Amino acid sequence: MAFDELTVRADEATRRADEAYRQLERRYDDFLERERHKRVSRRRFSTLVDRIRTNGAPYGAHTIVYRPSGELLLVRHEGVDLWVLPGGGVDPDESFAQAARRELEEEAGVDVDYDGLAMISTVEIETQGYRTRGVLPIFAARAESVEPDISDPDDEISVARWFSRLPDDTRDRDDLVAWRRQRL
């Protein structure tokens, strides 16, 4: 059997994701657990494998920002043409929580008080006979200020807005509705 470098990298990524999940589980309690399944191109799979090998997370860390009234803050991500939670990649010297805070500041600029971990999604990723998994940590934060101020260095975020009813084109809408129903 020939050596398959992508299989080795995918296995390493899965181990790193499992380690990241265990670390989050030890540090936080009372969070929602969700599962996602993504089928991607081989090229995208390779990119995600490398991200996961770095810190366990293919899509970085995010924040659910809420008001006591139940409204959630979403940002419009032009790259995917969807409403999403503020969040993104984890820099090498950051924890997931630090990355979530930095990304929230860049993408929405509201002051918040963090509650802890809201949700961990396990993301199963596959392509043409290969598979791996990663984690997506999502933190919860109560808004202290409500006027968004976007300073996104990547220019991917066009607007930040509060929603009492989530738009149909909200990424992971069902997960957010489940969290809001359980927590607020």
C-alpha atoms as a PDB file:
ATOM      1  CA  MET A   1       0.000   0.000   0.000  1.00  0.00           C
ATOM      2  CA  ALA A   2       1.393   3.388  -0.995  1.00  0.00           C
ATOM      3  CA  PHE A   3       2.014   6.174   1.490  1.00  0.00           C
ATOM      4  CA  ASP A   4      -0.899   8.629   1.443  1.00  0.00           C
ATOM      5  CA  GLU A   5       0.190  11.976   2.840  1.00  0.00           C
ATOM      6  CA  LEU A   6      -3.342  13.456   2.936  1.00  0.00           C
ATOM      7  CA  THR A   7      -4.609  10.543   5.039  1.00  0.00           C
ATOM      8  CA  VAL A   8      -1.772  11.077   7.527  1.00  0.00           C
ATOM      9  CA  ARG A   9      -2.488  14.823   7.738  1.00  0.00           C
ATOM     10  CA  ALA A  10      -6.228  14.194   8.126  1.00  0.00           C
ATOM     11  CA  ASP A  11      -5.575  11.722  10.965  1.00  0.00           C
ATOM     12  CA  GLU A  12      -3.308  14.255  12.702  1.00  0.00           C
ATOM     13  CA  ALA A  13      -6.033  16.879  12.302  1.00  0.00           C
ATOM     14  CA  THR A  14      -8.633  14.594  13.865  1.00  0.00           C
ATOM     15  CA  ARG A  15      -6.365  13.934  16.854  1.00  0.00           C
ATOM     16  CA  ARG A  16      -5.755  17.687  17.295  1.00  0.00           C
ATOM     17  CA  ALA A  17      -9.506  18.389  17.111  1.00  0.00           C
ATOM     18  CA  ASP A  18     -10.211  15.722  19.727  1.00  0.00           C
ATOM     19  CA  GLU A  19      -7.567  17.259  21.993  1.00  0.00           C
ATOM     20  CA  ALA A  20      -9.053  20.761  21.518  1.00  0.00           C
ATOM     21  CA  TYR A  21     -12.530  19.426  22.314  1.00  0.00           C
ATOM     22  CA  ARG A  22     -11.299  17.763  25.526  1.00  0.00           C
ATOM     23  CA  GLN A  23      -9.566  20.997  26.615  1.00  0.00           C
ATOM     24  CA  LEU A  24     -12.735  23.014  26.054  1.00  0.00           C
ATOM     25  CA  GLU A  25     -14.818  20.377  27.835  1.00  0.00           C
ATOM     26  CA  ARG A  26     -12.529  20.487  30.893  1.00  0.00           C
ATOM     27  CA  ARG A  27     -12.562  24.278  31.046  1.00  0.00           C
ATOM     28  CA  TYR A  28     -16.267  24.984  30.428  1.00  0.00           C
ATOM     29  CA  ASP A  29     -19.520  23.359  31.376  1.00  0.00           C
ATOM     30  CA  ASP A  30     -23.176  23.750  30.451  1.00  0.00           C
ATOM     31  CA  PHE A  31     -22.689  24.253  26.705  1.00  0.00           C
ATOM     32  CA  LEU A  32     -24.716  22.965  23.786  1.00  0.00           C
ATOM     33  CA  GLU A  33     -23.169  20.253  21.612  1.00  0.00           C
ATOM     34  CA  ARG A  34     -23.974  20.199  17.913  1.00  0.00           C
ATOM     35  CA  GLU A  35     -22.762  18.279  14.879  1.00  0.00           C
ATOM     36  CA  ARG A  36     -22.222  19.460  11.328  1.00  0.00           C
ATOM     37  CA  HIS A  37     -21.277  17.610   8.191  1.00  0.00           C
ATOM     38  CA  LYS A  38     -19.452  19.277   5.301  1.00  0.00           C
ATOM     39  CA  ARG A  39     -18.601  17.780   1.945  1.00  0.00           C
ATOM     40  CA  VAL A  40     -15.914  19.881   0.256  1.00  0.00           C
ATOM     41  CA  SER A  41     -13.545  19.779  -2.692  1.00  0.00           C
ATOM     42  CA  ARG A  42     -10.231  18.019  -2.228  1.00  0.00           C
ATOM     43  CA  ARG A  43      -8.399  21.350  -2.342  1.00  0.00           C
ATOM     44  CA  ARG A  44     -10.649  22.865   0.345  1.00  0.00           C
ATOM     45  CA  PHE A  45     -10.290  19.695   2.412  1.00  0.00           C
ATOM     46  CA  SER A  46      -6.506  20.049   2.352  1.00  0.00           C
ATOM     47  CA  THR A  47      -6.770  23.690   3.500  1.00  0.00           C
ATOM     48  CA  LEU A  48      -9.139  22.785   6.348  1.00  0.00           C
ATOM     49  CA  VAL A  49      -6.927  19.866   7.417  1.00  0.00           C
ATOM     50  CA  ASP A  50      -3.995  22.251   7.802  1.00  0.00           C
ATOM     51  CA  ARG A  51      -6.082  24.682   9.873  1.00  0.00           C
ATOM     52  CA  ILE A  52      -7.317  21.882  12.127  1.00  0.00           C
ATOM     53  CA  ARG A  53      -3.789  20.522  12.609  1.00  0.00           C
ATOM     54  CA  THR A  54      -2.789  23.960  13.949  1.00  0.00           C
ATOM     55  CA  ASN A  55      -5.426  24.363  16.685  1.00  0.00           C
ATOM     56  CA  GLY A  56      -8.311  21.947  16.153  1.00  0.00           C
ATOM     57  CA  ALA A  57     -10.663  24.482  14.550  1.00  0.00           C
ATOM     58  CA  PRO A  58     -11.318  24.670  10.803  1.00  0.00           C
ATOM     59  CA  TYR A  59     -13.311  27.917  11.053  1.00  0.00           C
ATOM     60  CA  GLY A  60     -11.861  29.625  14.125  1.00  0.00           C
ATOM     61  CA  ALA A  61     -13.889  30.820  17.127  1.00  0.00           C
ATOM     62  CA  HIS A  62     -17.123  32.817  17.214  1.00  0.00           C
ATOM     63  CA  THR A  63     -19.394  34.702  19.613  1.00  0.00           C
ATOM     64  CA  ILE A  64     -23.151  34.714  20.074  1.00  0.00           C
ATOM     65  CA  VAL A  65     -23.832  38.279  21.217  1.00  0.00           C
ATOM     66  CA  TYR A  66     -27.262  38.692  22.771  1.00  0.00           C
ATOM     67  CA  ARG A  67     -29.461  41.244  24.464  1.00  0.00           C
ATOM     68  CA  PRO A  68     -31.655  40.220  27.405  1.00  0.00           C
ATOM     69  CA  SER A  69     -34.634  40.764  25.062  1.00  0.00           C
ATOM     70  CA  GLY A  70     -33.409  37.764  23.023  1.00  0.00           C
ATOM     71  CA  GLU A  71     -32.065  39.711  20.060  1.00  0.00           C
ATOM     72  CA  LEU A  72     -28.863  38.343  18.521  1.00  0.00           C
ATOM     73  CA  LEU A  73     -26.152  40.282  16.715  1.00  0.00           C
ATOM     74  CA  LEU A  74     -25.231  38.987  13.269  1.00  0.00           C
ATOM     75  CA  VAL A  75     -22.811  40.283  10.679  1.00  0.00           C
ATOM     76  CA  ARG A  76     -23.160  40.120   6.916  1.00  0.00           C
ATOM     77  CA  HIS A  77     -20.222  38.156   5.497  1.00  0.00           C
ATOM     78  CA  GLU A  78     -19.860  39.094   1.842  1.00  0.00           C
ATOM     79  CA  GLY A  79     -17.560  36.163   1.064  1.00  0.00           C
ATOM     80  CA  VAL A  80     -20.316  33.637   1.786  1.00  0.00           C
ATOM     81  CA  ASP A  81     -23.276  35.997   1.202  1.00  0.00           C
ATOM     82  CA  LEU A  82     -24.882  35.038   4.538  1.00  0.00           C
ATOM     83  CA  TRP A  83     -25.629  36.459   7.968  1.00  0.00           C
ATOM     84  CA  VAL A  84     -23.159  34.878  10.399  1.00  0.00           C
ATOM     85  CA  LEU A  85     -21.918  35.159  13.954  1.00  0.00           C
ATOM     86  CA  PRO A  86     -18.931  37.433  14.441  1.00  0.00           C
ATOM     87  CA  GLY A  87     -15.818  35.295  14.479  1.00  0.00           C
ATOM     88  CA  GLY A  88     -12.937  33.879  12.552  1.00  0.00           C
ATOM     89  CA  GLY A  89      -9.442  32.473  12.577  1.00  0.00           C
ATOM     90  CA  VAL A  90      -7.299  31.846  15.633  1.00  0.00           C
ATOM     91  CA  ASP A  91      -3.821  33.391  15.559  1.00  0.00           C
ATOM     92  CA  PRO A  92      -0.919  31.173  16.730  1.00  0.00           C
ATOM     93  CA  ASP A  93      -0.539  33.001  20.064  1.00  0.00           C
ATOM     94  CA  GLU A  94      -4.279  33.111  20.896  1.00  0.00           C
ATOM     95  CA  SER A  95      -6.695  30.928  22.786  1.00  0.00           C
ATOM     96  CA  PHE A  96     -10.123  30.310  21.288  1.00  0.00           C
ATOM     97  CA  ALA A  97     -11.625  32.853  23.722  1.00  0.00           C
ATOM     98  CA  GLN A  98      -9.047  35.492  22.792  1.00  0.00           C
ATOM     99  CA  ALA A  99      -9.673  34.932  19.078  1.00  0.00           C
ATOM    100  CA  ALA A 100     -13.444  35.218  19.573  1.00  0.00           C
ATOM    101  CA  ARG A 101     -12.968  38.543  21.422  1.00  0.00           C
ATOM    102  CA  ARG A 102     -10.619  39.941  18.779  1.00  0.00           C
ATOM    103  CA  GLU A 103     -12.874  38.914  15.920  1.00  0.00           C
ATOM    104  CA  LEU A 104     -15.936  40.385  17.659  1.00  0.00           C
ATOM    105  CA  GLU A 105     -14.111  43.694  18.109  1.00  0.00           C
ATOM    106  CA  GLU A 106     -13.098  43.766  14.433  1.00  0.00           C
ATOM    107  CA  GLU A 107     -16.397  42.655  12.962  1.00  0.00           C
ATOM    108  CA  ALA A 108     -18.951  44.345  15.232  1.00  0.00           C
ATOM    109  CA  GLY A 109     -17.183  46.572  17.765  1.00  0.00           C
ATOM    110  CA  VAL A 110     -19.751  46.223  20.551  1.00  0.00           C
ATOM    111  CA  ASP A 111     -18.826  46.034  24.233  1.00  0.00           C
ATOM    112  CA  VAL A 112     -19.807  42.729  25.833  1.00  0.00           C
ATOM    113  CA  ASP A 113     -19.586  40.704  29.008  1.00  0.00           C
ATOM    114  CA  TYR A 114     -18.639  37.098  28.207  1.00  0.00           C
ATOM    115  CA  ASP A 115     -20.624  34.287  29.867  1.00  0.00           C
ATOM    116  CA  GLY A 116     -18.429  31.410  28.738  1.00  0.00           C
ATOM    117  CA  LEU A 117     -18.784  28.737  26.088  1.00  0.00           C
ATOM    118  CA  ALA A 118     -22.231  28.614  24.478  1.00  0.00           C
ATOM    119  CA  MET A 119     -21.736  25.754  22.060  1.00  0.00           C
ATOM    120  CA  ILE A 120     -19.212  23.385  20.557  1.00  0.00           C
ATOM    121  CA  SER A 121     -19.953  22.084  17.118  1.00  0.00           C
ATOM    122  CA  THR A 122     -18.090  19.063  15.881  1.00  0.00           C
ATOM    123  CA  VAL A 123     -17.585  19.487  12.155  1.00  0.00           C
ATOM    124  CA  GLU A 124     -17.173  16.275  10.162  1.00  0.00           C
ATOM    125  CA  ILE A 125     -15.442  17.113   6.874  1.00  0.00           C
ATOM    126  CA  GLU A 126     -15.090  14.783   3.921  1.00  0.00           C
ATOM    127  CA  THR A 127     -14.000  14.603   0.318  1.00  0.00           C
ATOM    128  CA  GLN A 128     -13.402  11.767  -2.154  1.00  0.00           C
ATOM    129  CA  GLY A 129     -12.596   9.019   0.354  1.00  0.00           C
ATOM    130  CA  TYR A 130     -10.967  11.251   2.972  1.00  0.00           C
ATOM    131  CA  ARG A 131     -12.410  12.518   6.219  1.00  0.00           C
ATOM    132  CA  THR A 132     -11.448  14.431   9.296  1.00  0.00           C
ATOM    133  CA  ARG A 133     -13.140  16.511  11.940  1.00  0.00           C
ATOM    134  CA  GLY A 134     -12.662  19.795  13.691  1.00  0.00           C
ATOM    135  CA  VAL A 135     -14.283  21.795  16.459  1.00  0.00           C
ATOM    136  CA  LEU A 136     -16.068  25.116  16.274  1.00  0.00           C
ATOM    137  CA  PRO A 137     -16.158  26.853  19.672  1.00  0.00           C
ATOM    138  CA  ILE A 138     -18.870  29.488  20.027  1.00  0.00           C
ATOM    139  CA  PHE A 139     -18.838  31.732  23.080  1.00  0.00           C
ATOM    140  CA  ALA A 140     -21.800  33.639  24.547  1.00  0.00           C
ATOM    141  CA  ALA A 141     -21.667  37.301  25.498  1.00  0.00           C
ATOM    142  CA  ARG A 142     -24.259  39.769  26.781  1.00  0.00           C
ATOM    143  CA  ALA A 143     -24.147  43.117  24.986  1.00  0.00           C
ATOM    144  CA  GLU A 144     -23.086  46.122  27.078  1.00  0.00           C
ATOM    145  CA  SER A 145     -23.303  48.496  24.095  1.00  0.00           C
ATOM    146  CA  VAL A 146     -25.557  48.073  21.096  1.00  0.00           C
ATOM    147  CA  GLU A 147     -24.229  50.276  18.286  1.00  0.00           C
ATOM    148  CA  PRO A 148     -21.995  48.201  16.009  1.00  0.00           C
ATOM    149  CA  ASP A 149     -18.725  49.665  14.747  1.00  0.00           C
ATOM    150  CA  ILE A 150     -17.110  47.531  12.050  1.00  0.00           C
ATOM    151  CA  SER A 151     -13.333  47.709  11.637  1.00  0.00           C
ATOM    152  CA  ASP A 152     -12.777  44.443   9.762  1.00  0.00           C
ATOM    153  CA  PRO A 153      -9.237  44.393   8.323  1.00  0.00           C
ATOM    154  CA  ASP A 154     -10.305  41.744   5.788  1.00  0.00           C
ATOM    155  CA  ASP A 155     -13.242  43.807   4.443  1.00  0.00           C
ATOM    156  CA  GLU A 156     -15.461  40.705   4.504  1.00  0.00           C
ATOM    157  CA  ILE A 157     -18.093  42.193   6.834  1.00  0.00           C
ATOM    158  CA  SER A 158     -20.411  44.790   5.306  1.00  0.00           C
ATOM    159  CA  VAL A 159     -22.893  45.364   8.149  1.00  0.00           C
ATOM    160  CA  ALA A 160     -23.696  44.272  11.709  1.00  0.00           C
ATOM    161  CA  ARG A 161     -27.323  44.202  12.841  1.00  0.00           C
ATOM    162  CA  TRP A 162     -29.529  43.031  15.719  1.00  0.00           C
ATOM    163  CA  PHE A 163     -32.253  40.470  15.002  1.00  0.00           C
ATOM    164  CA  SER A 164     -35.198  39.266  17.060  1.00  0.00           C
ATOM    165  CA  ARG A 165     -36.160  36.901  14.223  1.00  0.00           C
ATOM    166  CA  LEU A 166     -33.155  35.450  12.433  1.00  0.00           C
ATOM    167  CA  PRO A 167     -33.097  35.872   8.660  1.00  0.00           C
ATOM    168  CA  ASP A 168     -33.628  32.774   6.554  1.00  0.00           C
ATOM    169  CA  ASP A 169     -30.115  33.232   5.118  1.00  0.00           C
ATOM    170  CA  THR A 170     -28.432  32.905   8.522  1.00  0.00           C
ATOM    171  CA  ARG A 171     -25.622  30.348   8.573  1.00  0.00           C
ATOM    172  CA  ASP A 172     -26.329  27.651  11.177  1.00  0.00           C
ATOM    173  CA  ARG A 173     -29.734  29.190  11.904  1.00  0.00           C
ATOM    174  CA  ASP A 174     -31.136  26.040  13.539  1.00  0.00           C
ATOM    175  CA  ASP A 175     -28.215  25.899  15.999  1.00  0.00           C
ATOM    176  CA  LEU A 176     -28.733  29.544  16.982  1.00  0.00           C
ATOM    177  CA  VAL A 177     -32.472  29.089  17.419  1.00  0.00           C
ATOM    178  CA  ALA A 178     -31.850  26.015  19.611  1.00  0.00           C
ATOM    179  CA  TRP A 179     -29.324  27.919  21.746  1.00  0.00           C
ATOM    180  CA  ARG A 180     -31.614  30.926  22.160  1.00  0.00           C
ATOM    181  CA  ARG A 181     -34.584  28.712  23.085  1.00  0.00           C
ATOM    182  CA  GLN A 182     -32.505  26.872  25.708  1.00  0.00           C
ATOM    183  CA  ARG A 183     -30.582  29.829  27.186  1.00  0.00           C
ATOM    184  CA  LEU A 184     -32.700  32.975  26.911  1.00  0.00           C
END
